[in-house]
């Protein structure tokens, strides 16, 4: 006759199985990196997005409506990891959490499928993903960037801060994400339509911003691209220090 299993072992096994069944949907939704054909984007939306945006995408008191936002906005927030706000495999979304850039929580095919699902759920509309011409001249884009963008993102696209507003660095953004941000205007940033910046000018700006990641510093040491005022101040301080050392050296020699 086989000995009966200890009751404690059975209870532990039952409890572990129950916990796995409860957590499995969220774990699949949060860390799934399979192809879009292998995932249920409807389940992902309900598990990770509907808690704030509503099961119909019309928003709740926790987050705004997704009706009419367009694929460009959805793609920007999902590919930059700004949405979901927190890792859905670890914790539920908290609308008070600051929105910042992270590694995307979903694979590219899943993001595309999730965008399709949201657009079908909300009736479509909104701005589509801009097409960037990689051959557009970046020199005029530099003029446009300094005129329209540098006040917040700094002249070298390193980012900056204003009163209660932070403009992030642009060095980690892809060309598509830069173009999407210009058109959509995420957060406190204003959106620029084609009347302000046409599609060709947008490509010029994007090419200039990507150039700023590794610019050709022909004037010598870039000094971390702090800007002309800071670089000039450092030059004056270093020059003055060198002058003082030289004067003392001459005085000791004589």
Protein backbone atom coordinates (compact mmCIF):
# COMPACT_ATOMS: atom_id res chain seq x y z
CA UNK A 1 0.00 0.00 0.00
CA UNK A 2 1.43 3.44 -1.07
CA UNK A 3 1.87 5.91 1.78
CA UNK A 4 -0.39 8.96 1.68
CA UNK A 5 1.28 12.23 0.76
CA UNK A 6 1.67 14.69 3.61
CA UNK A 7 -1.26 17.07 3.81
CA UNK A 8 1.09 20.07 3.91
CA UNK A 9 2.63 19.11 0.58
CA UNK A 10 -0.78 18.87 -1.07
CA UNK A 11 -1.89 22.26 0.29
CA UNK A 12 1.30 23.92 -0.93
CA UNK A 13 0.87 22.43 -4.40
CA UNK A 14 -2.77 23.58 -4.61
CA UNK A 15 -1.87 27.10 -3.45
CA UNK A 16 1.00 27.38 -5.96
CA UNK A 17 -1.28 26.28 -8.80
CA UNK A 18 -3.95 28.81 -7.83
CA UNK A 19 -1.42 31.67 -7.68
CA UNK A 20 -0.01 30.71 -11.09
CA UNK A 21 -3.48 30.72 -12.65
CA UNK A 22 -4.25 34.15 -11.21
CA UNK A 23 -0.98 35.76 -12.28
CA UNK A 24 -0.58 34.06 -15.65
CA UNK A 25 -2.72 36.52 -17.71
CA UNK A 26 -0.81 39.54 -16.41
CA UNK A 27 2.56 37.91 -16.90
CA UNK A 28 1.71 36.99 -20.49
CA UNK A 29 0.40 40.46 -21.21
CA UNK A 30 3.35 42.28 -19.67
CA UNK A 31 6.38 40.39 -20.92
CA UNK A 32 5.14 38.65 -24.06
CA UNK A 33 7.61 39.04 -26.92
CA UNK A 34 6.11 36.57 -29.36
CA UNK A 35 4.73 37.49 -32.77
CA UNK A 36 1.41 39.30 -33.04
CA UNK A 37 -0.22 36.11 -34.36
CA UNK A 38 0.61 34.33 -31.11
CA UNK A 39 -0.84 36.86 -28.66
CA UNK A 40 -4.33 38.03 -27.83
CA UNK A 41 -4.07 41.81 -28.11
CA UNK A 42 -7.62 42.14 -26.84
CA UNK A 43 -6.55 40.46 -23.62
CA UNK A 44 -3.45 42.65 -23.44
CA UNK A 45 -5.57 45.79 -23.80
CA UNK A 46 -8.02 44.68 -21.11
CA UNK A 47 -5.23 43.66 -18.74
CA UNK A 48 -2.83 46.57 -19.23
CA UNK A 49 -4.72 49.52 -20.73
CA UNK A 50 -8.43 49.32 -19.87
CA UNK A 51 -7.84 49.87 -16.16
CA UNK A 52 -7.10 53.52 -16.96
CA UNK A 53 -8.47 54.17 -20.46
CA UNK A 54 -11.63 52.09 -20.10
CA UNK A 55 -12.68 48.89 -21.81
CA UNK A 56 -14.13 50.96 -24.68
CA UNK A 57 -11.14 53.33 -24.89
CA UNK A 58 -13.25 56.34 -23.95
CA UNK A 59 -11.28 57.13 -20.84
CA UNK A 60 -11.94 57.14 -17.12
CA UNK A 61 -11.14 59.41 -14.20
CA UNK A 62 -7.66 57.83 -14.28
CA UNK A 63 -6.70 58.57 -17.90
CA UNK A 64 -7.99 60.39 -21.00
CA UNK A 65 -9.97 58.98 -23.90
CA UNK A 66 -8.18 57.26 -26.78
CA UNK A 67 -10.88 58.18 -29.28
CA UNK A 68 -9.36 60.03 -32.23
CA UNK A 69 -5.79 60.08 -30.90
CA UNK A 70 -4.44 58.40 -34.04
CA UNK A 71 -1.74 55.83 -34.69
CA UNK A 72 1.10 58.35 -34.39
CA UNK A 73 0.26 59.08 -30.76
CA UNK A 74 -0.28 55.41 -29.89
CA UNK A 75 2.97 54.41 -31.55
CA UNK A 76 4.95 57.16 -29.81
CA UNK A 77 3.79 56.24 -26.32
CA UNK A 78 4.10 52.47 -26.83
CA UNK A 79 7.47 52.39 -28.63
CA UNK A 80 9.07 54.77 -26.12
CA UNK A 81 7.80 52.71 -23.19
CA UNK A 82 5.87 55.66 -21.79
CA UNK A 83 2.78 53.49 -21.89
CA UNK A 84 1.92 51.48 -19.92
CA UNK A 85 3.16 53.84 -17.20
CA UNK A 86 4.60 50.95 -15.19
CA UNK A 87 5.63 47.43 -16.09
CA UNK A 88 2.29 45.59 -16.37
CA UNK A 89 3.94 42.31 -15.41
CA UNK A 90 4.93 43.75 -12.02
CA UNK A 91 2.27 46.20 -10.86
CA UNK A 92 -0.98 47.86 -11.81
CA UNK A 93 -0.77 51.25 -13.48
CA UNK A 94 -0.76 54.25 -11.17
CA UNK A 95 -1.82 57.46 -12.98
CA UNK A 96 0.24 59.51 -10.50
CA UNK A 97 3.47 57.89 -11.70
CA UNK A 98 5.56 60.33 -13.78
CA UNK A 99 5.56 59.40 -17.46
CA UNK A 100 9.10 58.80 -18.67
CA UNK A 101 10.93 56.90 -21.36
CA UNK A 102 11.56 53.18 -20.78
CA UNK A 103 12.40 50.14 -22.82
CA UNK A 104 9.16 49.14 -24.61
CA UNK A 105 7.16 46.53 -22.73
CA UNK A 106 5.96 44.83 -25.94
CA UNK A 107 7.63 43.53 -29.07
CA UNK A 108 7.22 45.56 -32.31
CA UNK A 109 4.67 43.12 -33.83
CA UNK A 110 2.62 43.21 -30.64
CA UNK A 111 2.71 47.03 -30.60
CA UNK A 112 1.40 47.17 -34.17
CA UNK A 113 -1.36 44.68 -33.35
CA UNK A 114 -2.28 46.63 -30.20
CA UNK A 115 -2.47 49.86 -32.21
CA UNK A 116 -4.78 48.15 -34.71
CA UNK A 117 -6.97 46.90 -31.87
CA UNK A 118 -7.26 50.33 -30.23
CA UNK A 119 -8.02 52.07 -33.53
CA UNK A 120 -10.72 49.50 -34.31
CA UNK A 121 -12.11 49.85 -30.79
CA UNK A 122 -12.29 53.66 -30.90
CA UNK A 123 -13.33 54.13 -34.52
CA UNK A 124 -9.98 55.23 -35.94
CA UNK A 125 -9.15 58.79 -36.93
CA UNK A 126 -6.30 60.99 -35.79
CA UNK A 127 -2.80 61.43 -37.17
CA UNK A 128 -1.00 58.58 -38.90
CA UNK A 129 2.71 57.87 -38.37
CA UNK A 130 4.77 60.49 -40.28
CA UNK A 131 7.10 59.33 -43.05
CA UNK A 132 10.63 60.71 -42.67
CA UNK A 133 12.86 61.34 -45.69
CA UNK A 134 16.40 60.36 -44.60
CA UNK A 135 17.89 62.39 -47.47
CA UNK A 136 16.37 65.75 -46.51
CA UNK A 137 18.91 68.52 -45.98
CA UNK A 138 19.68 68.85 -42.27
CA UNK A 139 21.12 72.40 -42.48
CA UNK A 140 17.70 74.12 -42.78
CA UNK A 141 16.50 71.65 -40.15
CA UNK A 142 19.07 73.11 -37.78
CA UNK A 143 17.62 76.59 -38.26
CA UNK A 144 14.10 75.28 -37.65
CA UNK A 145 15.22 73.32 -34.58
CA UNK A 146 16.89 76.34 -33.00
CA UNK A 147 13.83 78.43 -33.76
CA UNK A 148 11.10 76.03 -32.63
CA UNK A 149 12.67 73.42 -30.33
CA UNK A 150 15.93 74.56 -28.72
CA UNK A 151 14.21 76.79 -26.15
CA UNK A 152 13.04 73.64 -24.33
CA UNK A 153 15.25 70.80 -25.57
CA UNK A 154 18.49 72.88 -25.57
CA UNK A 155 20.51 73.70 -28.65
CA UNK A 156 22.29 70.31 -28.57
CA UNK A 157 19.05 68.35 -27.94
CA UNK A 158 20.30 67.35 -24.49
CA UNK A 159 17.01 68.33 -22.88
CA UNK A 160 16.22 70.98 -20.31
CA UNK A 161 13.80 72.06 -17.65
CA UNK A 162 11.37 74.94 -17.37
CA UNK A 163 8.96 75.79 -14.54
CA UNK A 164 7.27 72.47 -13.61
CA UNK A 165 8.02 71.20 -17.13
CA UNK A 166 10.86 68.95 -18.22
CA UNK A 167 11.83 68.57 -21.86
CA UNK A 168 13.66 65.24 -22.32
CA UNK A 169 16.84 64.58 -24.22
CA UNK A 170 16.25 63.59 -27.84
CA UNK A 171 19.35 61.46 -28.31
CA UNK A 172 17.59 58.15 -27.58
CA UNK A 173 14.61 58.83 -29.84
CA UNK A 174 14.35 57.19 -33.25
CA UNK A 175 13.65 59.35 -36.33
CA UNK A 176 10.05 58.14 -36.36
CA UNK A 177 9.59 58.95 -32.67
CA UNK A 178 10.97 62.46 -33.19
CA UNK A 179 8.58 63.07 -36.08
CA UNK A 180 5.66 61.65 -34.08
CA UNK A 181 6.43 63.93 -31.13
CA UNK A 182 6.52 67.00 -33.38
CA UNK A 183 3.11 66.19 -34.84
CA UNK A 184 1.42 64.85 -31.70
CA UNK A 185 2.87 67.14 -29.03
CA UNK A 186 3.12 64.69 -26.11
CA UNK A 187 2.70 65.96 -22.57
CA UNK A 188 3.21 69.71 -22.28
CA UNK A 189 4.81 69.97 -25.71
CA UNK A 190 2.70 71.72 -28.37
CA UNK A 191 1.89 69.81 -31.53
CA UNK A 192 3.09 71.31 -34.83
CA UNK A 193 0.77 70.79 -37.78
CA UNK A 194 1.70 71.06 -41.43
CA UNK A 195 0.79 74.77 -41.43
CA UNK A 196 3.66 75.42 -39.00
CA UNK A 197 6.10 72.72 -40.17
CA UNK A 198 5.39 70.93 -43.44
CA UNK A 199 6.40 67.33 -44.10
CA UNK A 200 9.66 68.25 -45.85
CA UNK A 201 10.69 70.59 -43.03
CA UNK A 202 9.81 67.88 -40.53
CA UNK A 203 12.25 65.50 -42.24
CA UNK A 204 14.92 68.21 -42.16
CA UNK A 205 14.43 68.71 -38.41
CA UNK A 206 14.53 64.97 -37.74
CA UNK A 207 17.76 64.55 -39.72
CA UNK A 208 19.35 67.44 -37.84
CA UNK A 209 18.35 66.02 -34.45
CA UNK A 210 19.79 62.61 -35.31
CA UNK A 211 22.98 64.35 -36.48
CA UNK A 212 23.34 65.94 -33.03
CA UNK A 213 24.03 62.53 -31.51
CA UNK A 214 27.51 62.55 -33.08
CA UNK A 215 28.13 66.05 -34.46
CA UNK A 216 31.32 67.08 -36.24
CA UNK A 217 32.98 69.32 -33.66
CA UNK A 218 35.41 71.13 -35.96
CA UNK A 219 36.27 73.79 -33.41
CA UNK A 220 38.10 71.43 -31.06
CA UNK A 221 36.99 69.90 -27.78
CA UNK A 222 33.18 70.11 -27.59
CA UNK A 223 33.21 70.63 -23.79
CA UNK A 224 30.16 68.38 -23.42
CA UNK A 225 28.14 70.70 -25.70
CA UNK A 226 27.22 72.95 -22.81
CA UNK A 227 26.51 75.87 -25.09
CA UNK A 228 28.34 79.05 -26.12
CA UNK A 229 27.88 80.87 -22.78
CA UNK A 230 29.15 77.99 -20.65
CA UNK A 231 31.93 77.16 -23.06
CA UNK A 232 32.99 80.81 -23.16
CA UNK A 233 33.01 80.97 -19.35
CA UNK A 234 35.18 77.85 -19.16
CA UNK A 235 37.54 79.36 -21.73
CA UNK A 236 37.86 82.56 -19.69
CA UNK A 237 38.46 80.65 -16.43
CA UNK A 238 41.03 78.35 -17.98
CA UNK A 239 42.73 81.23 -19.77
CA UNK A 240 42.85 83.30 -16.59
CA UNK A 241 44.25 80.38 -14.60
CA UNK A 242 46.93 79.80 -17.26
CA UNK A 243 47.80 83.50 -17.24
CA UNK A 244 48.21 83.53 -13.43
CA UNK A 245 50.42 80.43 -13.51
CA UNK A 246 52.54 81.96 -16.28
CA UNK A 247 52.96 85.26 -14.36
CA UNK A 248 54.02 83.42 -11.20
CA UNK A 249 56.46 81.27 -13.17
CA UNK A 250 58.00 84.36 -14.82
CA UNK A 251 58.23 86.10 -11.45
CA UNK A 252 60.04 83.16 -9.85
CA UNK A 253 62.50 82.99 -12.76
CA UNK A 254 63.39 86.65 -12.47
